[in-house]
């Protein structure tokens, strides 16, 4: 990742990257819904999520 090249690094000291992300981005029923921090999807929900993500990749 290009971003890792810009992380301040000093041997013996911790470094951190803060990523401002959106949980569930690209899945209509998951995006921005706090419940998805607490549980995983059922098999059917996972199938629907993967289908939505795949459509987004090839559209």
C-alpha atoms as a PDB file:
ATOM      1  CA  UNK A   1       0.000   0.000   0.000  1.00  0.00           C
ATOM      2  CA  UNK A   2       1.246   3.409  -0.942  1.00  0.00           C
ATOM      3  CA  UNK A   3      -0.041   4.899   2.330  1.00  0.00           C
ATOM      4  CA  UNK A   4       2.349   2.751   4.344  1.00  0.00           C
ATOM      5  CA  UNK A   5       5.297   4.523   2.731  1.00  0.00           C
ATOM      6  CA  UNK A   6       4.214   7.739   4.490  1.00  0.00           C
ATOM      7  CA  UNK A   7       3.849   6.378   8.029  1.00  0.00           C
ATOM      8  CA  UNK A   8       6.329   8.038  10.368  1.00  0.00           C
ATOM      9  CA  UNK A   9       8.553   5.206  11.537  1.00  0.00           C
ATOM     10  CA  UNK A  10      11.102   5.372  14.299  1.00  0.00           C
ATOM     11  CA  UNK A  11      12.750   2.142  15.437  1.00  0.00           C
ATOM     12  CA  UNK A  12      11.668   1.227  18.950  1.00  0.00           C
ATOM     13  CA  UNK A  13       8.588   3.456  18.885  1.00  0.00           C
ATOM     14  CA  UNK A  14       5.040   2.528  17.870  1.00  0.00           C
ATOM     15  CA  UNK A  15       3.449   3.904  14.704  1.00  0.00           C
ATOM     16  CA  UNK A  16      -0.254   4.046  13.913  1.00  0.00           C
ATOM     17  CA  UNK A  17      -2.465   4.459  10.877  1.00  0.00           C
ATOM     18  CA  UNK A  18      -5.958   5.841  11.413  1.00  0.00           C
ATOM     19  CA  UNK A  19      -8.275   4.719   8.625  1.00  0.00           C
ATOM     20  CA  UNK A  20     -11.574   6.543   8.311  1.00  0.00           C
ATOM     21  CA  UNK A  21     -13.674   3.752   6.831  1.00  0.00           C
ATOM     22  CA  UNK A  22     -17.346   2.976   6.358  1.00  0.00           C
ATOM     23  CA  UNK A  23     -18.323  -0.448   7.668  1.00  0.00           C
ATOM     24  CA  UNK A  24     -20.257  -2.434   5.113  1.00  0.00           C
ATOM     25  CA  UNK A  25     -19.469   0.005   2.288  1.00  0.00           C
ATOM     26  CA  UNK A  26     -21.043  -1.162  -0.949  1.00  0.00           C
ATOM     27  CA  UNK A  27     -23.650  -3.456   0.614  1.00  0.00           C
ATOM     28  CA  UNK A  28     -27.046  -1.771   0.748  1.00  0.00           C
ATOM     29  CA  UNK A  29     -28.312  -3.409   3.920  1.00  0.00           C
ATOM     30  CA  UNK A  30     -24.992  -3.210   5.812  1.00  0.00           C
ATOM     31  CA  UNK A  31     -23.558   0.218   5.002  1.00  0.00           C
ATOM     32  CA  UNK A  32     -23.722   2.556   7.968  1.00  0.00           C
ATOM     33  CA  UNK A  33     -25.761   0.134  10.122  1.00  0.00           C
ATOM     34  CA  UNK A  34     -24.165  -0.216  13.581  1.00  0.00           C
ATOM     35  CA  UNK A  35     -25.649  -3.689  14.131  1.00  0.00           C
ATOM     36  CA  UNK A  36     -23.009  -5.117  11.768  1.00  0.00           C
ATOM     37  CA  UNK A  37     -20.322  -4.259  14.326  1.00  0.00           C
ATOM     38  CA  UNK A  38     -21.921  -6.799  16.669  1.00  0.00           C
ATOM     39  CA  UNK A  39     -22.663  -9.836  14.531  1.00  0.00           C
ATOM     40  CA  UNK A  40     -21.741 -11.583  11.336  1.00  0.00           C
ATOM     41  CA  UNK A  41     -24.104 -12.218   8.438  1.00  0.00           C
ATOM     42  CA  UNK A  42     -26.171 -15.370   8.022  1.00  0.00           C
ATOM     43  CA  UNK A  43     -25.358 -17.529   5.001  1.00  0.00           C
ATOM     44  CA  UNK A  44     -28.168 -15.878   3.048  1.00  0.00           C
ATOM     45  CA  UNK A  45     -27.078 -12.365   4.054  1.00  0.00           C
ATOM     46  CA  UNK A  46     -23.483 -13.181   3.104  1.00  0.00           C
ATOM     47  CA  UNK A  47     -24.599 -14.486  -0.297  1.00  0.00           C
ATOM     48  CA  UNK A  48     -26.585 -11.295  -0.932  1.00  0.00           C
ATOM     49  CA  UNK A  49     -23.687  -9.106   0.240  1.00  0.00           C
ATOM     50  CA  UNK A  50     -21.176 -10.863  -2.032  1.00  0.00           C
ATOM     51  CA  UNK A  51     -23.586 -10.546  -4.958  1.00  0.00           C
ATOM     52  CA  UNK A  52     -23.931  -6.787  -4.379  1.00  0.00           C
ATOM     53  CA  UNK A  53     -20.171  -6.355  -4.087  1.00  0.00           C
ATOM     54  CA  UNK A  54     -19.587  -8.345  -7.276  1.00  0.00           C
ATOM     55  CA  UNK A  55     -22.110  -6.211  -9.169  1.00  0.00           C
ATOM     56  CA  UNK A  56     -20.279  -3.118  -7.972  1.00  0.00           C
ATOM     57  CA  UNK A  57     -16.946  -4.422  -9.249  1.00  0.00           C
ATOM     58  CA  UNK A  58     -18.177  -5.116 -12.756  1.00  0.00           C
ATOM     59  CA  UNK A  59     -20.625  -2.272 -13.298  1.00  0.00           C
END
